[in-house]
Amino acid sequence: MKPTVNFILSVCVLLTGCIDSVGSNPDGPVGATRLPDDVLTMAAPGQDLQDVRVFPEDGCYWYRYVGPVETTYLPLRTRDGRPICTRPQ
């Protein structure tokens, strides 16, 4: 009986790594920023605008990129590759 309990506990610990820590929010992602219309028109195509944040370190917009290996935030860029920021660089 003891090996079964240990097995179940091990499986539970391993599965906790598979849980989405962000959770679901009907109002949108936590910390996400509603984009102004001018930012929407400046943003280059191919960027996911559903979860965009302004990081206080640089004042720039960053979007959530979900890749085949990892999920990370990348700078939101214009069509010519410049980052979109709320304050001058």
Protein backbone atom coordinates (compact mmCIF):
# COMPACT_ATOMS: atom_id res chain seq x y z
CA MET A 1 0.00 0.00 0.00
CA LYS A 2 2.82 2.42 0.82
CA PRO A 3 4.37 2.30 -2.70
CA THR A 4 0.97 3.24 -4.16
CA VAL A 5 0.69 6.32 -1.94
CA ASN A 6 4.23 7.37 -2.85
CA PHE A 7 3.44 6.88 -6.54
CA ILE A 8 0.30 9.01 -6.33
CA LEU A 9 2.12 11.77 -4.47
CA SER A 10 4.93 11.72 -7.04
CA VAL A 11 2.46 12.01 -9.91
CA CYS A 12 0.71 14.93 -8.20
CA VAL A 13 4.00 16.76 -7.72
CA LEU A 14 4.98 16.21 -11.35
CA LEU A 15 1.60 17.37 -12.65
CA THR A 16 1.72 20.65 -10.75
CA GLY A 17 4.36 21.77 -13.25
CA CYS A 18 1.75 21.43 -16.01
CA ILE A 19 -0.75 23.83 -14.45
CA ASP A 20 -1.16 27.22 -16.10
CA SER A 21 -0.03 29.65 -13.43
CA VAL A 22 -1.57 32.66 -15.18
CA GLY A 23 -5.11 31.40 -14.79
CA SER A 24 -8.12 32.61 -16.69
CA ASN A 25 -9.61 36.04 -16.34
CA PRO A 26 -12.79 36.96 -18.26
CA ASP A 27 -11.65 40.61 -18.39
CA GLY A 28 -8.36 39.72 -20.10
CA PRO A 29 -4.90 38.79 -18.91
CA VAL A 30 -3.71 40.09 -15.59
CA GLY A 31 -1.48 43.12 -16.09
CA ALA A 32 -2.45 43.50 -19.73
CA THR A 33 -2.79 46.97 -21.15
CA ARG A 34 -5.61 48.15 -23.42
CA LEU A 35 -3.82 49.44 -26.48
CA PRO A 36 -4.55 52.93 -27.79
CA ASP A 37 -5.72 53.09 -31.39
CA ASP A 38 -2.51 54.74 -32.60
CA VAL A 39 -0.43 51.88 -31.14
CA LEU A 40 -2.70 49.36 -32.88
CA THR A 41 -2.10 51.05 -36.23
CA MET A 42 1.68 51.30 -35.67
CA ALA A 43 2.16 47.64 -34.60
CA ALA A 44 3.60 45.33 -37.22
CA PRO A 45 1.51 42.33 -38.29
CA GLY A 46 2.24 38.92 -36.82
CA GLN A 47 2.37 40.08 -33.19
CA ASP A 48 -0.22 38.81 -30.70
CA LEU A 49 -1.96 41.90 -29.34
CA GLN A 50 -4.17 39.99 -26.86
CA ASP A 51 -1.66 40.26 -23.97
CA VAL A 52 0.42 43.44 -24.19
CA ARG A 53 2.09 45.10 -21.22
CA VAL A 54 4.12 48.22 -20.56
CA PHE A 55 7.19 47.35 -18.51
CA PRO A 56 8.18 50.12 -16.08
CA GLU A 57 11.90 49.49 -16.66
CA ASP A 58 11.84 50.90 -20.18
CA GLY A 59 8.30 52.21 -20.72
CA CYS A 60 7.92 50.09 -23.87
CA TYR A 61 5.10 47.81 -24.93
CA TRP A 62 5.85 44.07 -24.79
CA TYR A 63 3.62 41.30 -26.17
CA ARG A 64 3.33 37.69 -25.07
CA TYR A 65 4.91 35.33 -27.60
CA VAL A 66 3.99 31.67 -27.33
CA GLY A 67 6.66 29.67 -29.13
CA PRO A 68 7.13 25.94 -29.67
CA VAL A 69 9.46 25.67 -26.67
CA GLU A 70 8.75 28.59 -24.36
CA THR A 71 6.46 31.52 -23.71
CA THR A 72 8.10 34.90 -23.26
CA TYR A 73 7.50 38.60 -23.73
CA LEU A 74 8.97 40.35 -26.76
CA PRO A 75 9.07 44.07 -27.56
CA LEU A 76 6.13 45.27 -29.61
CA ARG A 77 7.58 46.69 -32.82
CA THR A 78 6.48 48.90 -35.68
CA ARG A 79 6.50 47.78 -39.30
CA ASP A 80 10.06 49.05 -39.70
CA GLY A 81 11.32 47.23 -36.57
CA ARG A 82 11.42 50.05 -34.02
CA PRO A 83 10.10 49.34 -30.51
CA ILE A 84 6.88 51.08 -29.48
CA CYS A 85 7.37 52.96 -26.20
CA THR A 86 5.35 55.31 -24.01
CA ARG A 87 8.30 57.63 -23.46
CA PRO A 88 11.33 58.60 -25.59
CA GLN A 89 14.30 56.24 -25.47
